[in-house]
Amino acid sequence: MSRDEAVIAYVLRLADNALILAQRMIELVTAKPELEEELANANFALDFIGQARMLYSYAAELEGAGRSEDDFAFMRDGNEFRNLLLIEQPNGHFGDSIVRQYLFEAFYVHQLDALTRCKDQRIAEIAARAIKEVRYHLRHISHWLIRLGDGTDESHQRVQASLDELWRFTGEMFVSDEVDVAIRDNLAGPDLEAIAALWKRDVEDVIAEATLQLPEDQWMARGGKQGQHSEHFGFLIAEMQFLQRSYAGASW
């Protein structure tokens, strides 16, 4: 894999993570428990869409094949997406969506921090902009996780079940493949092993404050970064892409 190919593949992974999580969050519009949380959820989803747009636009420039950000988002098939499996898991109840977002954003903030020092100037600039948003997201989501875990008996039990169920998707974030290695070695990109230690430290602190139990290490699901997705993904992109595919080439 050439350096240029690795950069395009890596940028698309970042963009796909942002877009797919945004889509899951958009599904929750009108479903949050408080008006303030409803507005926060909508704003966070828009932050992720903005990040995805910047990244897809850069991937299109690097590829030079005439594709646009819309082509990457709406005209690729499911096996062409490279988002993490954790991101695409269904919303479930409120605790499920909070745990999913926390586990990812606790990783994403360290990934973005490392990318602000990337030798690819465009990636570094996008990361520097995105990390300001994600730090705020993470603080907000951490407070909710603590509130649910250290709340009523029912909220504690339900969010613990969410954590236990979603934990098996966290290992994929730290498994390096040839794309991750190329970005790390050639462009001073993230060291996933080092990020894993930082993530585990942060998660342990928040989980303890939430009076929850950290799940034991177990078999970890993987494959999203290679285009192998869960059964939920096809339904997600079918809804997301319906309008664009029905009226291909339409100008809005």
Protein backbone atom coordinates (compact mmCIF):
# COMPACT_ATOMS: atom_id res chain seq x y z
CA MET A 1 0.00 0.00 0.00
CA SER A 2 1.42 3.36 -1.03
CA ARG A 3 1.55 6.33 1.30
CA ASP A 4 -1.19 8.14 -0.65
CA GLU A 5 -3.45 5.07 -0.56
CA ALA A 6 -2.92 4.76 3.19
CA VAL A 7 -3.82 8.42 3.77
CA ILE A 8 -7.04 8.14 1.73
CA ALA A 9 -8.01 4.94 3.54
CA TYR A 10 -7.30 6.49 6.94
CA VAL A 11 -9.18 9.71 6.22
CA LEU A 12 -12.19 7.70 5.06
CA ARG A 13 -12.14 5.70 8.31
CA LEU A 14 -12.25 8.88 10.33
CA ALA A 15 -15.03 10.28 8.15
CA ASP A 16 -17.07 7.08 8.30
CA ASN A 17 -16.86 6.97 12.09
CA ALA A 18 -18.12 10.55 12.30
CA LEU A 19 -20.92 10.08 9.76
CA ILE A 20 -22.26 6.79 11.10
CA LEU A 21 -22.28 7.97 14.72
CA ALA A 22 -24.05 11.15 13.57
CA GLN A 23 -26.67 9.02 11.82
CA ARG A 24 -27.28 7.00 14.97
CA MET A 25 -27.63 10.21 16.96
CA ILE A 26 -30.00 11.73 14.41
CA GLU A 27 -32.25 8.71 14.95
CA LEU A 28 -32.59 9.88 18.56
CA VAL A 29 -34.00 13.29 17.71
CA THR A 30 -37.22 13.74 19.75
CA ALA A 31 -36.32 10.69 21.87
CA LYS A 32 -34.10 12.18 24.57
CA PRO A 33 -35.37 12.47 28.17
CA GLU A 34 -34.93 16.23 28.55
CA LEU A 35 -35.20 19.25 26.24
CA GLU A 36 -31.66 20.33 27.07
CA GLU A 37 -30.37 16.86 26.20
CA GLU A 38 -32.40 16.90 22.98
CA LEU A 39 -30.65 20.10 21.88
CA ALA A 40 -27.24 18.78 22.93
CA ASN A 41 -27.76 15.57 20.97
CA ALA A 42 -28.73 17.48 17.82
CA ASN A 43 -25.73 19.80 18.14
CA PHE A 44 -23.32 16.92 18.72
CA ALA A 45 -24.69 15.13 15.64
CA LEU A 46 -24.11 18.27 13.59
CA ASP A 47 -20.54 18.46 14.90
CA PHE A 48 -19.89 14.94 13.63
CA ILE A 49 -21.48 15.69 10.26
CA GLY A 50 -19.24 18.74 9.94
CA GLN A 51 -16.19 16.62 10.69
CA ALA A 52 -17.28 14.00 8.17
CA ARG A 53 -17.75 16.65 5.48
CA MET A 54 -14.24 18.04 5.97
CA LEU A 55 -12.72 14.56 5.87
CA TYR A 56 -14.70 13.35 2.86
CA SER A 57 -13.80 16.52 0.97
CA TYR A 58 -10.12 15.91 1.69
CA ALA A 59 -10.40 12.27 0.61
CA ALA A 60 -12.00 13.40 -2.65
CA GLU A 61 -9.13 15.82 -3.29
CA LEU A 62 -6.54 13.14 -2.59
CA GLU A 63 -8.31 10.57 -4.77
CA GLY A 64 -8.70 12.99 -7.69
CA ALA A 65 -11.40 10.88 -9.33
CA GLY A 66 -14.15 13.49 -9.38
CA ARG A 67 -16.09 12.15 -6.43
CA SER A 68 -17.63 14.50 -3.89
CA GLU A 69 -18.37 14.25 -0.19
CA ASP A 70 -21.93 13.23 -1.09
CA ASP A 71 -20.63 10.38 -3.24
CA PHE A 72 -18.63 9.00 -0.33
CA ALA A 73 -21.52 9.34 2.10
CA PHE A 74 -24.47 8.25 -0.03
CA MET A 75 -23.26 6.27 -3.03
CA ARG A 76 -20.99 3.63 -1.49
CA ASP A 77 -22.19 0.15 -0.59
CA GLY A 78 -22.02 -1.16 2.96
CA ASN A 79 -18.77 -3.10 2.52
CA GLU A 80 -17.02 0.08 1.38
CA PHE A 81 -17.56 1.79 4.75
CA ARG A 82 -14.72 1.44 7.27
CA ASN A 83 -16.30 2.63 10.53
CA LEU A 84 -15.83 0.83 13.83
CA LEU A 85 -18.43 -1.77 14.76
CA LEU A 86 -19.11 0.02 18.05
CA ILE A 87 -20.40 3.08 16.18
CA GLU A 88 -23.10 1.23 14.26
CA GLN A 89 -24.70 -0.60 17.19
CA PRO A 90 -28.41 0.24 17.67
CA ASN A 91 -29.45 3.03 20.00
CA GLY A 92 -31.47 0.83 22.32
CA HIS A 93 -32.46 2.67 25.48
CA PHE A 94 -30.91 5.92 26.70
CA GLY A 95 -28.19 4.12 28.68
CA ASP A 96 -27.14 2.14 25.61
CA SER A 97 -26.62 5.29 23.54
CA ILE A 98 -24.74 7.04 26.36
CA VAL A 99 -22.36 4.12 26.91
CA ARG A 100 -21.73 3.67 23.19
CA GLN A 101 -20.89 7.33 22.73
CA TYR A 102 -18.76 7.50 25.86
CA LEU A 103 -16.64 4.47 24.97
CA PHE A 104 -15.98 5.85 21.49
CA GLU A 105 -15.38 9.49 22.37
CA ALA A 106 -13.01 8.56 25.21
CA PHE A 107 -10.93 6.94 22.46
CA TYR A 108 -11.59 9.57 19.80
CA VAL A 109 -10.32 12.46 21.90
CA HIS A 110 -6.90 10.78 22.23
CA GLN A 111 -6.87 9.83 18.55
CA LEU A 112 -7.56 13.43 17.58
CA ASP A 113 -4.97 14.74 20.01
CA ALA A 114 -2.33 12.56 18.36
CA LEU A 115 -3.51 13.64 14.90
CA THR A 116 -3.00 17.33 15.74
CA ARG A 117 0.72 16.48 15.51
CA CYS A 118 0.36 14.52 12.25
CA LYS A 119 2.78 15.46 9.47
CA ASP A 120 -0.14 15.68 7.05
CA GLN A 121 -1.07 19.33 7.57
CA ARG A 122 -4.69 18.95 6.43
CA ILE A 123 -5.37 16.06 8.80
CA ALA A 124 -3.71 17.99 11.63
CA GLU A 125 -5.87 21.05 10.95
CA ILE A 126 -9.10 19.03 10.88
CA ALA A 127 -8.12 17.22 14.08
CA ALA A 128 -7.34 20.52 15.84
CA ARG A 129 -10.78 21.79 14.98
CA ALA A 130 -12.61 18.56 15.83
CA ILE A 131 -10.94 17.98 19.19
CA LYS A 132 -12.45 21.18 20.61
CA GLU A 133 -15.92 19.78 19.91
CA VAL A 134 -15.14 16.27 21.12
CA ARG A 135 -13.70 17.42 24.43
CA TYR A 136 -16.99 19.11 25.19
CA HIS A 137 -18.97 16.07 24.04
CA LEU A 138 -16.91 13.82 26.28
CA ARG A 139 -17.39 15.99 29.35
CA HIS A 140 -21.14 16.07 28.75
CA ILE A 141 -21.45 12.32 28.13
CA SER A 142 -19.24 11.47 31.12
CA HIS A 143 -21.57 13.41 33.40
CA TRP A 144 -24.54 11.44 32.08
CA LEU A 145 -22.78 8.11 32.55
CA ILE A 146 -21.95 9.01 36.15
CA ARG A 147 -25.49 10.26 36.73
CA LEU A 148 -27.01 7.03 35.44
CA GLY A 149 -24.55 4.70 37.12
CA ASP A 150 -24.77 6.42 40.49
CA GLY A 151 -28.52 7.04 40.24
CA THR A 152 -31.42 4.75 40.99
CA ASP A 153 -31.12 0.99 41.28
CA GLU A 154 -32.82 0.61 37.90
CA SER A 155 -30.62 3.15 36.09
CA HIS A 156 -27.52 1.55 37.63
CA GLN A 157 -28.51 -1.95 36.55
CA ARG A 158 -29.50 -0.91 33.05
CA VAL A 159 -26.37 1.11 32.30
CA GLN A 160 -24.20 -1.68 33.73
CA ALA A 161 -25.90 -4.07 31.30
CA SER A 162 -25.20 -1.60 28.48
CA LEU A 163 -21.53 -1.46 29.43
CA ASP A 164 -21.28 -5.26 29.63
CA GLU A 165 -22.93 -5.66 26.21
CA LEU A 166 -20.92 -3.02 24.34
CA TRP A 167 -17.53 -3.79 25.86
CA ARG A 168 -16.83 -6.49 23.25
CA PHE A 169 -16.74 -3.84 20.54
CA THR A 170 -14.01 -1.73 22.17
CA GLY A 171 -11.02 -3.92 21.27
CA GLU A 172 -11.27 -3.09 17.59
CA MET A 173 -10.33 0.53 18.28
CA PHE A 174 -6.81 -0.51 19.28
CA VAL A 175 -6.00 -3.19 16.68
CA SER A 176 -3.50 -1.81 14.17
CA ASP A 177 -3.49 -2.91 10.55
CA GLU A 178 -1.38 -1.81 7.60
CA VAL A 179 -3.25 1.49 7.29
CA ASP A 180 -2.73 2.40 10.95
CA VAL A 181 0.93 1.38 10.79
CA ALA A 182 1.55 3.40 7.63
CA ILE A 183 0.03 6.54 9.16
CA ARG A 184 1.93 6.05 12.41
CA ASP A 185 5.31 5.36 10.80
CA ASN A 186 5.19 7.74 7.84
CA LEU A 187 3.18 10.65 9.20
CA ALA A 188 3.72 10.49 12.98
CA GLY A 189 0.12 9.36 13.41
CA PRO A 190 -1.48 7.79 16.49
CA ASP A 191 0.14 4.91 18.32
CA LEU A 192 -2.91 2.78 19.12
CA GLU A 193 -1.12 0.82 21.82
CA ALA A 194 -0.27 4.02 23.67
CA ILE A 195 -3.81 5.34 23.20
CA ALA A 196 -5.21 2.08 24.60
CA ALA A 197 -3.41 2.70 27.90
CA LEU A 198 -4.69 6.30 28.09
CA TRP A 199 -8.23 5.22 27.21
CA LYS A 200 -8.26 2.45 29.81
CA ARG A 201 -7.07 4.86 32.50
CA ASP A 202 -9.76 7.42 31.65
CA VAL A 203 -12.52 4.81 31.41
CA GLU A 204 -11.57 3.21 34.71
CA ASP A 205 -11.80 6.59 36.46
CA VAL A 206 -15.24 7.44 35.07
CA ILE A 207 -16.60 3.92 35.59
CA ALA A 208 -15.45 3.99 39.21
CA GLU A 209 -17.09 7.39 39.79
CA ALA A 210 -20.28 6.00 38.26
CA THR A 211 -20.12 3.10 40.78
CA LEU A 212 -20.12 0.65 37.86
CA GLN A 213 -18.00 -2.44 37.35
CA LEU A 214 -15.48 -2.52 34.53
CA PRO A 215 -16.22 -5.61 32.39
CA GLU A 216 -13.61 -8.33 32.22
CA ASP A 217 -11.60 -8.60 29.03
CA GLN A 218 -13.29 -10.97 26.61
CA TRP A 219 -13.48 -11.94 22.96
CA MET A 220 -13.55 -8.75 20.93
CA ALA A 221 -15.55 -8.25 17.76
CA ARG A 222 -13.71 -6.72 14.84
CA GLY A 223 -13.99 -6.25 11.09
CA GLY A 224 -15.57 -2.81 10.66
CA LYS A 225 -12.26 -1.25 9.67
CA GLN A 226 -12.08 -3.80 6.85
CA GLY A 227 -15.70 -3.34 5.71
CA GLN A 228 -17.17 -6.33 7.55
CA HIS A 229 -20.17 -4.99 9.43
CA SER A 230 -22.85 -6.20 11.81
CA GLU A 231 -26.38 -7.10 10.77
CA HIS A 232 -27.54 -3.66 11.90
CA PHE A 233 -25.47 -1.73 9.38
CA GLY A 234 -27.45 -2.49 6.24
CA PHE A 235 -30.62 -1.07 7.76
CA LEU A 236 -28.75 2.04 8.90
CA ILE A 237 -27.30 2.98 5.52
CA ALA A 238 -30.50 2.01 3.67
CA GLU A 239 -32.32 4.71 5.60
CA MET A 240 -29.44 7.16 5.39
CA GLN A 241 -28.97 6.77 1.63
CA PHE A 242 -32.57 6.36 0.51
CA LEU A 243 -33.23 9.87 -0.78
CA GLN A 244 -29.91 10.30 -2.59
CA ARG A 245 -30.16 6.93 -4.31
CA SER A 246 -33.79 7.47 -5.25
CA TYR A 247 -33.01 10.82 -6.87
CA ALA A 248 -29.40 10.34 -7.91
CA GLY A 249 -27.76 13.51 -9.17
CA ALA A 250 -30.52 15.78 -7.92
CA SER A 251 -29.50 19.28 -6.90
CA TRP A 252 -30.99 20.37 -3.59
